[in-house]
C-alpha atoms as a PDB file:
ATOM      1  CA  MET A   1       0.000   0.000   0.000  1.00  0.00           C
ATOM      2  CA  LEU A   2       1.447   3.343  -1.042  1.00  0.00           C
ATOM      3  CA  TYR A   3      -0.200   5.488   1.613  1.00  0.00           C
ATOM      4  CA  LYS A   4      -0.490   5.229   5.380  1.00  0.00           C
ATOM      5  CA  GLU A   5      -3.779   4.083   6.876  1.00  0.00           C
ATOM      6  CA  SER A   6      -3.416   6.959   9.341  1.00  0.00           C
ATOM      7  CA  LEU A   7      -4.371   9.328   6.518  1.00  0.00           C
ATOM      8  CA  LEU A   8      -7.964   8.297   7.105  1.00  0.00           C
ATOM      9  CA  THR A   9      -7.908  10.368  10.298  1.00  0.00           C
ATOM     10  CA  ASP A  10      -4.649  12.330  10.062  1.00  0.00           C
ATOM     11  CA  ARG A  11      -5.249  15.844   8.732  1.00  0.00           C
ATOM     12  CA  GLU A  12      -1.723  17.257   8.586  1.00  0.00           C
ATOM     13  CA  TYR A  13      -2.251  19.093   5.298  1.00  0.00           C
ATOM     14  CA  LEU A  14      -5.950  19.839   5.314  1.00  0.00           C
ATOM     15  CA  PRO A  15      -7.515  21.984   8.036  1.00  0.00           C
ATOM     16  CA  GLU A  16      -9.411  19.930  10.610  1.00  0.00           C
ATOM     17  CA  LYS A  17     -12.667  21.814  10.014  1.00  0.00           C
ATOM     18  CA  LEU A  18     -12.463  22.259   6.262  1.00  0.00           C
ATOM     19  CA  GLU A  19     -15.876  22.758   4.698  1.00  0.00           C
ATOM     20  CA  VAL A  20     -15.931  22.707   0.925  1.00  0.00           C
ATOM     21  CA  SER A  21     -18.705  24.898  -0.388  1.00  0.00           C
ATOM     22  CA  ASP A  22     -17.170  26.048  -3.663  1.00  0.00           C
ATOM     23  CA  TRP A  23     -13.977  26.004  -5.719  1.00  0.00           C
ATOM     24  CA  GLN A  24     -12.545  29.080  -3.979  1.00  0.00           C
ATOM     25  CA  THR A  25     -12.562  27.186  -0.695  1.00  0.00           C
ATOM     26  CA  VAL A  26     -10.017  24.636  -1.940  1.00  0.00           C
ATOM     27  CA  GLU A  27      -8.357  26.350  -4.891  1.00  0.00           C
ATOM     28  CA  SER A  28      -5.288  27.482  -2.938  1.00  0.00           C
ATOM     29  CA  PHE A  29      -4.583  23.922  -1.733  1.00  0.00           C
ATOM     30  CA  PHE A  30      -4.674  22.533  -5.272  1.00  0.00           C
ATOM     31  CA  LYS A  31      -2.572  25.380  -6.681  1.00  0.00           C
ATOM     32  CA  GLU A  32       0.048  24.780  -3.994  1.00  0.00           C
ATOM     33  CA  LEU A  33       0.203  21.083  -4.875  1.00  0.00           C
ATOM     34  CA  LEU A  34       0.345  21.849  -8.592  1.00  0.00           C
ATOM     35  CA  ASN A  35       3.241  24.281  -8.153  1.00  0.00           C
ATOM     36  CA  ARG A  36       5.169  22.313  -5.522  1.00  0.00           C
ATOM     37  CA  ARG A  37       8.701  21.397  -6.591  1.00  0.00           C
ATOM     38  CA  ILE A  38       9.451  17.713  -6.201  1.00  0.00           C
ATOM     39  CA  GLU A  39      13.178  17.066  -6.153  1.00  0.00           C
ATOM     40  CA  SER A  40      13.509  13.791  -4.271  1.00  0.00           C
ATOM     41  CA  VAL A  41      11.779  10.480  -3.715  1.00  0.00           C
ATOM     42  CA  ASP A  42      10.775  11.561  -0.198  1.00  0.00           C
ATOM     43  CA  GLU A  43       9.186  14.760  -1.532  1.00  0.00           C
ATOM     44  CA  LEU A  44       7.290  12.711  -4.121  1.00  0.00           C
ATOM     45  CA  LYS A  45       6.039  10.354  -1.412  1.00  0.00           C
ATOM     46  CA  GLY A  46       4.891  13.343   0.643  1.00  0.00           C
ATOM     47  CA  TRP A  47       3.088  14.817  -2.364  1.00  0.00           C
ATOM     48  CA  LEU A  48       1.352  11.503  -3.050  1.00  0.00           C
ATOM     49  CA  GLU A  49       0.262  11.194   0.587  1.00  0.00           C
ATOM     50  CA  ILE A  50      -1.339  14.648   0.401  1.00  0.00           C
ATOM     51  CA  GLU A  51      -3.063  13.729  -2.857  1.00  0.00           C
ATOM     52  CA  VAL A  52      -4.415  10.553  -1.252  1.00  0.00           C
ATOM     53  CA  SER A  53      -5.609  12.531   1.774  1.00  0.00           C
ATOM     54  CA  TRP A  54      -7.690  14.705  -0.594  1.00  0.00           C
ATOM     55  CA  LYS A  55      -9.245  11.634  -2.162  1.00  0.00           C
ATOM     56  CA  LEU A  56     -10.070  10.215   1.260  1.00  0.00           C
ATOM     57  CA  PHE A  57     -11.485  13.564   2.397  1.00  0.00           C
ATOM     58  CA  PHE A  58     -13.864  13.735  -0.541  1.00  0.00           C
ATOM     59  CA  LYS A  59     -14.775  10.067  -0.188  1.00  0.00           C
ATOM     60  CA  LYS A  60     -15.765  10.618   3.455  1.00  0.00           C
ATOM     61  CA  ASN A  61     -17.586  13.891   2.821  1.00  0.00           C
END
């Protein structure tokens, strides 16, 4: 498994009380991920974990 199971409850990147009501609410998070420089395997793993946390967030909400 590529991601940690703790991402189901661990909200290190996303605010604990994030409420998505429109694109503007989450746009800055996605722009930051899009523009993030990835220069090592560890940075890539971190980026992928954040991406997975978004998927899990939307799956739960």
